[in-house]
Amino acid sequence: MARQKKPALILSFAKTTDAMAVEKFCMTNNLPGRLIPVPREITAGCGLSWRAAPQDEELLTAELSKAGLAWSGLYHLEL
């Protein structure tokens, strides 16, 4: 039986260090999401991305921006 695809918010990164900094910041501040390999639908940077629920987009982007953390792309996919 095929797994049900769900909407996902994906942040991609140009550098692995950016991805690791976002992971550390999100874990420390109890922000939603997790680090995953970049989905094959995206051709982006370092090979790592942050996956969260689409409804968390505003919270995540606001908090990451305030902290001065960088991401290179923002995508809405069915994963």
PDB file of N, CA and C in Angstrom:
ATOM      1  N   MET A   1       0.838  -1.190   0.000  1.00  0.00           N
ATOM      2  CA  MET A   1       0.000   0.000   0.000  1.00  0.00           C
ATOM      3  C   MET A   1       0.880   1.250   0.000  1.00  0.00           C
ATOM      4  N   ALA A   2       0.584   2.170  -0.877  1.00  0.00           N
ATOM      5  CA  ALA A   2       1.380   3.394  -0.996  1.00  0.00           C
ATOM      6  C   ALA A   2       1.140   4.310   0.202  1.00  0.00           C
ATOM      7  N   ARG A   3       2.203   4.958   0.600  1.00  0.00           N
ATOM      8  CA  ARG A   3       2.120   5.897   1.707  1.00  0.00           C
ATOM      9  C   ARG A   3       1.369   7.140   1.250  1.00  0.00           C
ATOM     10  N   GLN A   4       0.511   7.654   2.111  1.00  0.00           N
ATOM     11  CA  GLN A   4      -0.259   8.863   1.802  1.00  0.00           C
ATOM     12  C   GLN A   4       0.670  10.080   1.812  1.00  0.00           C
ATOM     13  N   LYS A   5       0.667  10.845   0.724  1.00  0.00           N
ATOM     14  CA  LYS A   5       1.492  12.059   0.678  1.00  0.00           C
ATOM     15  C   LYS A   5       0.786  13.172   1.428  1.00  0.00           C
ATOM     16  N   LYS A   6       1.586  14.001   2.102  1.00  0.00           N
ATOM     17  CA  LYS A   6       1.046  15.122   2.875  1.00  0.00           C
ATOM     18  C   LYS A   6       1.734  16.407   2.435  1.00  0.00           C
ATOM     19  N   PRO A   7       1.026  17.541   2.530  1.00  0.00           N
ATOM     20  CA  PRO A   7       1.665  18.819   2.219  1.00  0.00           C
ATOM     21  C   PRO A   7       2.831  19.075   3.180  1.00  0.00           C
ATOM     22  N   ALA A   8       3.901  19.625   2.656  1.00  0.00           N
ATOM     23  CA  ALA A   8       5.075  19.922   3.480  1.00  0.00           C
ATOM     24  C   ALA A   8       5.683  21.252   3.057  1.00  0.00           C
ATOM     25  N   LEU A   9       6.202  21.951   4.042  1.00  0.00           N
ATOM     26  CA  LEU A   9       6.994  23.152   3.821  1.00  0.00           C
ATOM     27  C   LEU A   9       8.451  22.704   3.845  1.00  0.00           C
ATOM     28  N   ILE A  10       9.218  23.067   2.820  1.00  0.00           N
ATOM     29  CA  ILE A  10      10.628  22.696   2.736  1.00  0.00           C
ATOM     30  C   ILE A  10      11.477  23.956   2.616  1.00  0.00           C
ATOM     31  N   LEU A  11      12.461  24.079   3.501  1.00  0.00           N
ATOM     32  CA  LEU A  11      13.465  25.143   3.393  1.00  0.00           C
ATOM     33  C   LEU A  11      14.755  24.482   2.932  1.00  0.00           C
ATOM     34  N   SER A  12      15.336  24.983   1.864  1.00  0.00           N
ATOM     35  CA  SER A  12      16.610  24.438   1.387  1.00  0.00           C
ATOM     36  C   SER A  12      17.736  25.401   1.771  1.00  0.00           C
ATOM     37  N   PHE A  13      18.951  24.886   1.714  1.00  0.00           N
ATOM     38  CA  PHE A  13      20.114  25.658   2.163  1.00  0.00           C
ATOM     39  C   PHE A  13      21.237  25.583   1.150  1.00  0.00           C
ATOM     40  N   ALA A  14      21.995  26.671   1.041  1.00  0.00           N
ATOM     41  CA  ALA A  14      23.145  26.715   0.145  1.00  0.00           C
ATOM     42  C   ALA A  14      24.326  25.964   0.744  1.00  0.00           C
ATOM     43  N   LYS A  15      24.443  25.999   2.072  1.00  0.00           N
ATOM     44  CA  LYS A  15      25.586  25.389   2.747  1.00  0.00           C
ATOM     45  C   LYS A  15      25.124  24.480   3.879  1.00  0.00           C
ATOM     46  N   THR A  16      25.867  23.414   4.093  1.00  0.00           N
ATOM     47  CA  THR A  16      25.567  22.489   5.189  1.00  0.00           C
ATOM     48  C   THR A  16      25.594  23.207   6.528  1.00  0.00           C
ATOM     49  N   THR A  17      26.504  24.148   6.695  1.00  0.00           N
ATOM     50  CA  THR A  17      26.585  24.872   7.965  1.00  0.00           C
ATOM     51  C   THR A  17      25.300  25.658   8.244  1.00  0.00           C
ATOM     52  N   ASP A  18      24.654  26.185   7.193  1.00  0.00           N
ATOM     53  CA  ASP A  18      23.371  26.879   7.377  1.00  0.00           C
ATOM     54  C   ASP A  18      22.302  25.901   7.867  1.00  0.00           C
ATOM     55  N   ALA A  19      22.259  24.708   7.256  1.00  0.00           N
ATOM     56  CA  ALA A  19      21.280  23.689   7.651  1.00  0.00           C
ATOM     57  C   ALA A  19      21.492  23.273   9.104  1.00  0.00           C
ATOM     58  N   MET A  20      22.742  23.074   9.491  1.00  0.00           N
ATOM     59  CA  MET A  20      23.043  22.649  10.862  1.00  0.00           C
ATOM     60  C   MET A  20      22.705  23.749  11.865  1.00  0.00           C
ATOM     61  N   ALA A  21      22.943  24.994  11.501  1.00  0.00           N
ATOM     62  CA  ALA A  21      22.611  26.120  12.388  1.00  0.00           C
ATOM     63  C   ALA A  21      21.101  26.214  12.587  1.00  0.00           C
ATOM     64  N   VAL A  22      20.333  26.014  11.518  1.00  0.00           N
ATOM     65  CA  VAL A  22      18.870  26.053  11.627  1.00  0.00           C
ATOM     66  C   VAL A  22      18.388  24.900  12.508  1.00  0.00           C
ATOM     67  N   GLU A  23      18.955  23.713  12.317  1.00  0.00           N
ATOM     68  CA  GLU A  23      18.551  22.575  13.142  1.00  0.00           C
ATOM     69  C   GLU A  23      18.810  22.861  14.621  1.00  0.00           C
ATOM     70  N   LYS A  24      19.988  23.349  14.939  1.00  0.00           N
ATOM     71  CA  LYS A  24      20.335  23.650  16.329  1.00  0.00           C
ATOM     72  C   LYS A  24      19.396  24.706  16.907  1.00  0.00           C
ATOM     73  N   PHE A  25      19.147  25.780  16.149  1.00  0.00           N
ATOM     74  CA  PHE A  25      18.271  26.855  16.601  1.00  0.00           C
ATOM     75  C   PHE A  25      16.848  26.344  16.840  1.00  0.00           C
ATOM     76  N   CYS A  26      16.324  25.565  15.901  1.00  0.00           N
ATOM     77  CA  CYS A  26      14.953  25.062  16.017  1.00  0.00           C
ATOM     78  C   CYS A  26      14.813  24.105  17.194  1.00  0.00           C
ATOM     79  N   MET A  27      15.799  23.236  17.393  1.00  0.00           N
ATOM     80  CA  MET A  27      15.747  22.303  18.518  1.00  0.00           C
ATOM     81  C   MET A  27      15.805  23.064  19.850  1.00  0.00           C
ATOM     82  N   THR A  28      16.697  24.030  19.937  1.00  0.00           N
ATOM     83  CA  THR A  28      16.862  24.807  21.163  1.00  0.00           C
ATOM     84  C   THR A  28      15.607  25.607  21.497  1.00  0.00           C
ATOM     85  N   ASN A  29      14.931  26.097  20.465  1.00  0.00           N
ATOM     86  CA  ASN A  29      13.762  26.969  20.667  1.00  0.00           C
ATOM     87  C   ASN A  29      12.418  26.252  20.458  1.00  0.00           C
ATOM     88  N   ASN A  30      12.457  24.926  20.411  1.00  0.00           N
ATOM     89  CA  ASN A  30      11.230  24.119  20.253  1.00  0.00           C
ATOM     90  C   ASN A  30      10.387  24.539  19.057  1.00  0.00           C
ATOM     91  N   LEU A  31      11.063  24.823  17.949  1.00  0.00           N
ATOM     92  CA  LEU A  31      10.343  25.160  16.723  1.00  0.00           C
ATOM     93  C   LEU A  31      10.077  23.874  15.937  1.00  0.00           C
ATOM     94  N   PRO A  32       8.981  23.838  15.191  1.00  0.00           N
ATOM     95  CA  PRO A  32       8.586  22.611  14.508  1.00  0.00           C
ATOM     96  C   PRO A  32       9.460  22.272  13.306  1.00  0.00           C
ATOM     97  N   GLY A  33       9.545  20.976  13.026  1.00  0.00           N
ATOM     98  CA  GLY A  33      10.228  20.508  11.836  1.00  0.00           C
ATOM     99  C   GLY A  33      11.390  19.597  12.159  1.00  0.00           C
ATOM    100  N   ARG A  34      12.045  19.147  11.060  1.00  0.00           N
ATOM    101  CA  ARG A  34      13.215  18.285  11.210  1.00  0.00           C
ATOM    102  C   ARG A  34      14.066  18.374   9.957  1.00  0.00           C
ATOM    103  N   LEU A  35      15.335  18.040  10.119  1.00  0.00           N
ATOM    104  CA  LEU A  35      16.280  18.039   9.011  1.00  0.00           C
ATOM    105  C   LEU A  35      16.092  16.756   8.206  1.00  0.00           C
ATOM    106  N   ILE A  36      15.997  16.893   6.876  1.00  0.00           N
ATOM    107  CA  ILE A  36      15.828  15.743   5.982  1.00  0.00           C
ATOM    108  C   ILE A  36      16.725  15.931   4.754  1.00  0.00           C
ATOM    109  N   PRO A  37      16.975  14.855   4.014  1.00  0.00           N
ATOM    110  CA  PRO A  37      17.658  15.027   2.717  1.00  0.00           C
ATOM    111  C   PRO A  37      16.759  15.855   1.779  1.00  0.00           C
ATOM    112  N   VAL A  38      17.369  16.623   0.907  1.00  0.00           N
ATOM    113  CA  VAL A  38      16.585  17.438  -0.035  1.00  0.00           C
ATOM    114  C   VAL A  38      15.726  16.498  -0.896  1.00  0.00           C
ATOM    115  N   PRO A  39      14.423  16.747  -0.961  1.00  0.00           N
ATOM    116  CA  PRO A  39      13.566  15.917  -1.824  1.00  0.00           C
ATOM    117  C   PRO A  39      14.020  16.009  -3.279  1.00  0.00           C
ATOM    118  N   ARG A  40      13.838  14.950  -4.042  1.00  0.00           N
ATOM    119  CA  ARG A  40      14.324  14.939  -5.427  1.00  0.00           C
ATOM    120  C   ARG A  40      13.590  15.932  -6.315  1.00  0.00           C
ATOM    121  N   GLU A  41      12.441  16.438  -5.870  1.00  0.00           N
ATOM    122  CA  GLU A  41      11.722  17.455  -6.649  1.00  0.00           C
ATOM    123  C   GLU A  41      12.471  18.788  -6.674  1.00  0.00           C
ATOM    124  N   ILE A  42      13.426  18.943  -5.773  1.00  0.00           N
ATOM    125  CA  ILE A  42      14.177  20.199  -5.649  1.00  0.00           C
ATOM    126  C   ILE A  42      15.637  19.936  -6.013  1.00  0.00           C
ATOM    127  N   THR A  43      16.218  20.802  -6.803  1.00  0.00           N
ATOM    128  CA  THR A  43      17.669  20.745  -7.013  1.00  0.00           C
ATOM    129  C   THR A  43      18.237  21.943  -6.272  1.00  0.00           C
ATOM    130  N   ALA A  44      18.775  21.670  -5.091  1.00  0.00           N
ATOM    131  CA  ALA A  44      19.236  22.769  -4.249  1.00  0.00           C
ATOM    132  C   ALA A  44      20.490  22.386  -3.492  1.00  0.00           C
ATOM    133  N   GLY A  45      21.342  23.345  -3.384  1.00  0.00           N
ATOM    134  CA  GLY A  45      22.525  23.431  -2.567  1.00  0.00           C
ATOM    135  C   GLY A  45      23.140  22.205  -1.930  1.00  0.00           C
ATOM    136  N   CYS A  46      23.056  22.141  -0.620  1.00  0.00           N
ATOM    137  CA  CYS A  46      23.930  21.268   0.171  1.00  0.00           C
ATOM    138  C   CYS A  46      23.427  19.846   0.360  1.00  0.00           C
ATOM    139  N   GLY A  47      22.207  19.545  -0.034  1.00  0.00           N
ATOM    140  CA  GLY A  47      21.698  18.196   0.143  1.00  0.00           C
ATOM    141  C   GLY A  47      20.840  18.010   1.379  1.00  0.00           C
ATOM    142  N   LEU A  48      20.776  19.046   2.234  1.00  0.00           N
ATOM    143  CA  LEU A  48      19.935  18.988   3.427  1.00  0.00           C
ATOM    144  C   LEU A  48      18.833  20.039   3.340  1.00  0.00           C
ATOM    145  N   SER A  49      17.703  19.732   3.944  1.00  0.00           N
ATOM    146  CA  SER A  49      16.594  20.690   3.974  1.00  0.00           C
ATOM    147  C   SER A  49      15.842  20.540   5.283  1.00  0.00           C
ATOM    148  N   TRP A  50      15.034  21.540   5.608  1.00  0.00           N
ATOM    149  CA  TRP A  50      14.208  21.522   6.816  1.00  0.00           C
ATOM    150  C   TRP A  50      12.773  21.309   6.392  1.00  0.00           C
ATOM    151  N   ARG A  51      12.146  20.286   6.971  1.00  0.00           N
ATOM    152  CA  ARG A  51      10.752  19.973   6.649  1.00  0.00           C
ATOM    153  C   ARG A  51       9.871  20.315   7.843  1.00  0.00           C
ATOM    154  N   ALA A  52       8.783  21.020   7.552  1.00  0.00           N
ATOM    155  CA  ALA A  52       7.798  21.350   8.584  1.00  0.00           C
ATOM    156  C   ALA A  52       6.419  21.358   7.932  1.00  0.00           C
ATOM    157  N   ALA A  53       5.403  21.518   8.742  1.00  0.00           N
ATOM    158  CA  ALA A  53       4.036  21.609   8.224  1.00  0.00           C
ATOM    159  C   ALA A  53       3.845  22.976   7.570  1.00  0.00           C
ATOM    160  N   PRO A  54       3.055  23.041   6.479  1.00  0.00           N
ATOM    161  CA  PRO A  54       2.850  24.319   5.790  1.00  0.00           C
ATOM    162  C   PRO A  54       2.341  25.431   6.705  1.00  0.00           C
ATOM    163  N   GLN A  55       1.518  25.091   7.692  1.00  0.00           N
ATOM    164  CA  GLN A  55       0.982  26.124   8.588  1.00  0.00           C
ATOM    165  C   GLN A  55       2.043  26.719   9.509  1.00  0.00           C
ATOM    166  N   ASP A  56       3.244  26.126   9.551  1.00  0.00           N
ATOM    167  CA  ASP A  56       4.330  26.655  10.388  1.00  0.00           C
ATOM    168  C   ASP A  56       5.220  27.653   9.640  1.00  0.00           C
ATOM    169  N   GLU A  57       4.910  27.928   8.369  1.00  0.00           N
ATOM    170  CA  GLU A  57       5.767  28.788   7.547  1.00  0.00           C
ATOM    171  C   GLU A  57       6.014  30.156   8.176  1.00  0.00           C
ATOM    172  N   GLU A  58       4.955  30.844   8.570  1.00  0.00           N
ATOM    173  CA  GLU A  58       5.103  32.202   9.105  1.00  0.00           C
ATOM    174  C   GLU A  58       5.945  32.209  10.377  1.00  0.00           C
ATOM    175  N   LEU A  59       5.666  31.289  11.290  1.00  0.00           N
ATOM    176  CA  LEU A  59       6.419  31.184  12.540  1.00  0.00           C
ATOM    177  C   LEU A  59       7.892  30.912  12.267  1.00  0.00           C
ATOM    178  N   LEU A  60       8.172  29.900  11.463  1.00  0.00           N
ATOM    179  CA  LEU A  60       9.561  29.526  11.185  1.00  0.00           C
ATOM    180  C   LEU A  60      10.339  30.640  10.500  1.00  0.00           C
ATOM    181  N   THR A  61       9.786  31.196   9.420  1.00  0.00           N
ATOM    182  CA  THR A  61      10.533  32.218   8.682  1.00  0.00           C
ATOM    183  C   THR A  61      10.752  33.466   9.537  1.00  0.00           C
ATOM    184  N   ALA A  62       9.775  33.813  10.353  1.00  0.00           N
ATOM    185  CA  ALA A  62       9.938  34.986  11.232  1.00  0.00           C
ATOM    186  C   ALA A  62      11.036  34.744  12.267  1.00  0.00           C
ATOM    187  N   GLU A  63      11.003  33.593  12.917  1.00  0.00           N
ATOM    188  CA  GLU A  63      12.005  33.295  13.955  1.00  0.00           C
ATOM    189  C   GLU A  63      13.405  33.138  13.371  1.00  0.00           C
ATOM    190  N   LEU A  64      13.514  32.467  12.234  1.00  0.00           N
ATOM    191  CA  LEU A  64      14.832  32.297  11.608  1.00  0.00           C
ATOM    192  C   LEU A  64      15.383  33.633  11.135  1.00  0.00           C
ATOM    193  N   SER A  65      14.528  34.481  10.582  1.00  0.00           N
ATOM    194  CA  SER A  65      14.965  35.812  10.135  1.00  0.00           C
ATOM    195  C   SER A  65      15.446  36.649  11.314  1.00  0.00           C
ATOM    196  N   LYS A  66      14.681  36.628  12.409  1.00  0.00           N
ATOM    197  CA  LYS A  66      15.078  37.381  13.611  1.00  0.00           C
ATOM    198  C   LYS A  66      16.436  36.928  14.125  1.00  0.00           C
ATOM    199  N   ALA A  67      16.695  35.621  14.004  1.00  0.00           N
ATOM    200  CA  ALA A  67      17.964  35.062  14.486  1.00  0.00           C
ATOM    201  C   ALA A  67      19.098  35.248  13.479  1.00  0.00           C
ATOM    202  N   GLY A  68      18.790  35.780  12.286  1.00  0.00           N
ATOM    203  CA  GLY A  68      19.814  36.001  11.275  1.00  0.00           C
ATOM    204  C   GLY A  68      20.261  34.725  10.572  1.00  0.00           C
ATOM    205  N   LEU A  69      19.404  33.704  10.569  1.00  0.00           N
ATOM    206  CA  LEU A  69      19.744  32.433   9.921  1.00  0.00           C
ATOM    207  C   LEU A  69      19.255  32.421   8.477  1.00  0.00           C
ATOM    208  N   ALA A  70      20.062  31.831   7.607  1.00  0.00           N
ATOM    209  CA  ALA A  70      19.788  31.897   6.167  1.00  0.00           C
ATOM    210  C   ALA A  70      19.266  30.577   5.614  1.00  0.00           C
ATOM    211  N   TRP A  71      18.378  30.691   4.645  1.00  0.00           N
ATOM    212  CA  TRP A  71      17.959  29.554   3.824  1.00  0.00           C
ATOM    213  C   TRP A  71      17.930  30.051   2.389  1.00  0.00           C
ATOM    214  N   SER A  72      18.058  29.137   1.439  1.00  0.00           N
ATOM    215  CA  SER A  72      18.156  29.589   0.047  1.00  0.00           C
ATOM    216  C   SER A  72      16.851  29.438  -0.724  1.00  0.00           C
ATOM    217  N   GLY A  73      15.972  28.549  -0.290  1.00  0.00           N
ATOM    218  CA  GLY A  73      14.710  28.354  -1.001  1.00  0.00           C
ATOM    219  C   GLY A  73      13.610  27.912  -0.067  1.00  0.00           C
ATOM    220  N   LEU A  74      12.379  28.230  -0.438  1.00  0.00           N
ATOM    221  CA  LEU A  74      11.204  27.829   0.331  1.00  0.00           C
ATOM    222  C   LEU A  74      10.225  27.194  -0.646  1.00  0.00           C
ATOM    223  N   TYR A  75       9.787  25.980  -0.336  1.00  0.00           N
ATOM    224  CA  TYR A  75       8.940  25.221  -1.255  1.00  0.00           C
ATOM    225  C   TYR A  75       7.753  24.617  -0.526  1.00  0.00           C
ATOM    226  N   HIS A  76       6.658  24.458  -1.249  1.00  0.00           N
ATOM    227  CA  HIS A  76       5.492  23.726  -0.755  1.00  0.00           C
ATOM    228  C   HIS A  76       5.355  22.497  -1.648  1.00  0.00           C
ATOM    229  N   LEU A  77       5.528  21.312  -1.048  1.00  0.00           N
ATOM    230  CA  LEU A  77       5.486  20.056  -1.801  1.00  0.00           C
ATOM    231  C   LEU A  77       4.540  19.066  -1.148  1.00  0.00           C
ATOM    232  N   GLU A  78       4.185  18.036  -1.893  1.00  0.00           N
ATOM    233  CA  GLU A  78       3.461  16.898  -1.355  1.00  0.00           C
ATOM    234  C   GLU A  78       4.486  15.776  -1.164  1.00  0.00           C
ATOM    235  N   LEU A  79       4.768  15.429   0.082  1.00  0.00           N
ATOM    236  CA  LEU A  79       5.780  14.385   0.373  1.00  0.00           C
ATOM    237  C   LEU A  79       5.170  13.274   1.186  1.00  0.00           C
TER     238      LEU A  79
END
